[in-house]
């Protein structure tokens, strides 16, 4: 997924992680699914090794468990949110 127009916000719901790799300071993952059958690669940079390893472990957990995610992208910023998990925790 490349940069998004700074004035545009992209929301992709109901996507899943497909593959997580470490590449230097980056965590690279594939995402797929959603209403429009999205298929994209996302690269996150984490200079701190502890944060990089922690984030990769979380992404691999989401992949293993088939966690449904929402992608929020604007400009150079991309966020992944396990919003269903958040809502379930908030309800309890």
C-alpha atoms as a PDB file:
ATOM      1  CA  UNK A   1       0.000   0.000   0.000  1.00  0.00           C
ATOM      2  CA  UNK A   2       1.679   3.214  -1.130  1.00  0.00           C
ATOM      3  CA  UNK A   3       1.214   6.696   0.246  1.00  0.00           C
ATOM      4  CA  UNK A   4      -2.342   7.977   0.248  1.00  0.00           C
ATOM      5  CA  UNK A   5      -3.274  11.495  -0.825  1.00  0.00           C
ATOM      6  CA  UNK A   6      -2.827  13.664   2.314  1.00  0.00           C
ATOM      7  CA  UNK A   7      -6.397  14.928   1.935  1.00  0.00           C
ATOM      8  CA  UNK A   8      -7.830  11.421   1.616  1.00  0.00           C
ATOM      9  CA  UNK A   9      -8.516   8.865   4.318  1.00  0.00           C
ATOM     10  CA  UNK A  10      -8.774   5.208   3.336  1.00  0.00           C
ATOM     11  CA  UNK A  11     -10.569   2.726   5.576  1.00  0.00           C
ATOM     12  CA  UNK A  12     -10.448  -0.981   4.719  1.00  0.00           C
ATOM     13  CA  UNK A  13     -12.529  -3.146   7.022  1.00  0.00           C
ATOM     14  CA  UNK A  14     -12.534  -6.916   7.462  1.00  0.00           C
ATOM     15  CA  UNK A  15      -8.972  -7.577   6.318  1.00  0.00           C
ATOM     16  CA  UNK A  16      -6.531 -10.160   7.643  1.00  0.00           C
ATOM     17  CA  UNK A  17      -2.759 -10.533   7.860  1.00  0.00           C
ATOM     18  CA  UNK A  18      -1.094 -12.876   5.399  1.00  0.00           C
ATOM     19  CA  UNK A  19       2.619 -13.254   6.095  1.00  0.00           C
ATOM     20  CA  UNK A  20       4.905 -11.234   8.364  1.00  0.00           C
ATOM     21  CA  UNK A  21       8.621 -10.723   7.712  1.00  0.00           C
ATOM     22  CA  UNK A  22      11.396  -8.749   9.372  1.00  0.00           C
ATOM     23  CA  UNK A  23      13.591  -6.761   6.982  1.00  0.00           C
ATOM     24  CA  UNK A  24      16.209  -4.691   8.796  1.00  0.00           C
ATOM     25  CA  UNK A  25      14.316  -2.093  10.852  1.00  0.00           C
ATOM     26  CA  UNK A  26      11.072  -2.918   9.053  1.00  0.00           C
ATOM     27  CA  UNK A  27       8.196  -5.289   9.621  1.00  0.00           C
ATOM     28  CA  UNK A  28       6.622  -6.177   6.276  1.00  0.00           C
ATOM     29  CA  UNK A  29       3.242  -7.840   6.067  1.00  0.00           C
ATOM     30  CA  UNK A  30       0.614  -8.755   3.556  1.00  0.00           C
ATOM     31  CA  UNK A  31      -3.029  -7.904   4.083  1.00  0.00           C
ATOM     32  CA  UNK A  32      -6.025  -9.245   2.199  1.00  0.00           C
ATOM     33  CA  UNK A  33      -9.784  -9.325   2.283  1.00  0.00           C
ATOM     34  CA  UNK A  34     -12.487  -6.796   2.890  1.00  0.00           C
ATOM     35  CA  UNK A  35     -15.455  -5.819   0.783  1.00  0.00           C
ATOM     36  CA  UNK A  36     -13.288  -5.032  -2.247  1.00  0.00           C
ATOM     37  CA  UNK A  37     -10.962  -8.044  -1.911  1.00  0.00           C
ATOM     38  CA  UNK A  38      -7.948  -5.891  -1.054  1.00  0.00           C
ATOM     39  CA  UNK A  39      -4.473  -7.343  -1.422  1.00  0.00           C
ATOM     40  CA  UNK A  40      -1.552  -5.182  -0.336  1.00  0.00           C
ATOM     41  CA  UNK A  41       1.839  -5.094   1.304  1.00  0.00           C
ATOM     42  CA  UNK A  42       2.479  -2.766   4.241  1.00  0.00           C
ATOM     43  CA  UNK A  43       5.900  -1.828   5.636  1.00  0.00           C
ATOM     44  CA  UNK A  44       6.234  -0.459   9.162  1.00  0.00           C
ATOM     45  CA  UNK A  45       9.574   0.893  10.411  1.00  0.00           C
ATOM     46  CA  UNK A  46      10.541   0.354  14.062  1.00  0.00           C
ATOM     47  CA  UNK A  47      14.121   1.494  14.805  1.00  0.00           C
ATOM     48  CA  UNK A  48      13.999  -0.017  18.330  1.00  0.00           C
ATOM     49  CA  UNK A  49      14.567  -3.778  18.151  1.00  0.00           C
ATOM     50  CA  UNK A  50      12.316  -4.519  21.152  1.00  0.00           C
ATOM     51  CA  UNK A  51       9.366  -2.696  19.615  1.00  0.00           C
ATOM     52  CA  UNK A  52      10.001  -4.299  16.202  1.00  0.00           C
ATOM     53  CA  UNK A  53      10.026  -7.821  17.675  1.00  0.00           C
ATOM     54  CA  UNK A  54       6.950  -7.093  19.817  1.00  0.00           C
ATOM     55  CA  UNK A  55       4.981  -5.695  16.859  1.00  0.00           C
ATOM     56  CA  UNK A  56       5.967  -8.624  14.628  1.00  0.00           C
ATOM     57  CA  UNK A  57       4.836 -11.071  17.322  1.00  0.00           C
ATOM     58  CA  UNK A  58       1.460  -9.298  17.587  1.00  0.00           C
ATOM     59  CA  UNK A  59       0.987  -9.373  13.817  1.00  0.00           C
ATOM     60  CA  UNK A  60       1.898 -13.071  13.681  1.00  0.00           C
ATOM     61  CA  UNK A  61      -0.605 -13.740  16.460  1.00  0.00           C
ATOM     62  CA  UNK A  62      -3.314 -11.933  14.499  1.00  0.00           C
ATOM     63  CA  UNK A  63      -2.374 -13.959  11.414  1.00  0.00           C
ATOM     64  CA  UNK A  64      -2.454 -17.276  13.302  1.00  0.00           C
ATOM     65  CA  UNK A  65      -5.790 -16.485  14.953  1.00  0.00           C
ATOM     66  CA  UNK A  66      -7.399 -15.050  11.806  1.00  0.00           C
ATOM     67  CA  UNK A  67      -8.110 -11.769  13.580  1.00  0.00           C
ATOM     68  CA  UNK A  68     -10.232  -9.431  11.487  1.00  0.00           C
ATOM     69  CA  UNK A  69      -8.660  -5.969  11.211  1.00  0.00           C
ATOM     70  CA  UNK A  70      -9.394  -2.498   9.955  1.00  0.00           C
ATOM     71  CA  UNK A  71      -6.746  -0.556   8.026  1.00  0.00           C
ATOM     72  CA  UNK A  72      -6.763   3.211   8.374  1.00  0.00           C
ATOM     73  CA  UNK A  73      -4.482   5.086   5.953  1.00  0.00           C
ATOM     74  CA  UNK A  74      -3.918   8.786   5.444  1.00  0.00           C
ATOM     75  CA  UNK A  75      -0.838  10.339   3.846  1.00  0.00           C
ATOM     76  CA  UNK A  76       2.215   8.297   4.882  1.00  0.00           C
ATOM     77  CA  UNK A  77       0.463   6.899   7.960  1.00  0.00           C
ATOM     78  CA  UNK A  78      -1.058   3.425   8.066  1.00  0.00           C
ATOM     79  CA  UNK A  79      -2.641   1.908  11.173  1.00  0.00           C
ATOM     80  CA  UNK A  80      -4.012  -1.563  11.780  1.00  0.00           C
ATOM     81  CA  UNK A  81      -6.744  -1.914  14.390  1.00  0.00           C
ATOM     82  CA  UNK A  82      -8.298  -5.056  15.793  1.00  0.00           C
ATOM     83  CA  UNK A  83     -11.496  -3.095  16.336  1.00  0.00           C
ATOM     84  CA  UNK A  84     -13.717  -6.092  17.015  1.00  0.00           C
ATOM     85  CA  UNK A  85     -11.381  -7.166  19.823  1.00  0.00           C
ATOM     86  CA  UNK A  86     -11.451  -3.624  21.225  1.00  0.00           C
ATOM     87  CA  UNK A  87     -15.254  -3.541  21.170  1.00  0.00           C
ATOM     88  CA  UNK A  88     -15.507  -6.948  22.855  1.00  0.00           C
ATOM     89  CA  UNK A  89     -13.130  -5.872  25.629  1.00  0.00           C
ATOM     90  CA  UNK A  90     -15.022  -2.617  26.108  1.00  0.00           C
ATOM     91  CA  UNK A  91     -18.313  -4.493  26.437  1.00  0.00           C
ATOM     92  CA  UNK A  92     -16.983  -6.723  29.230  1.00  0.00           C
END
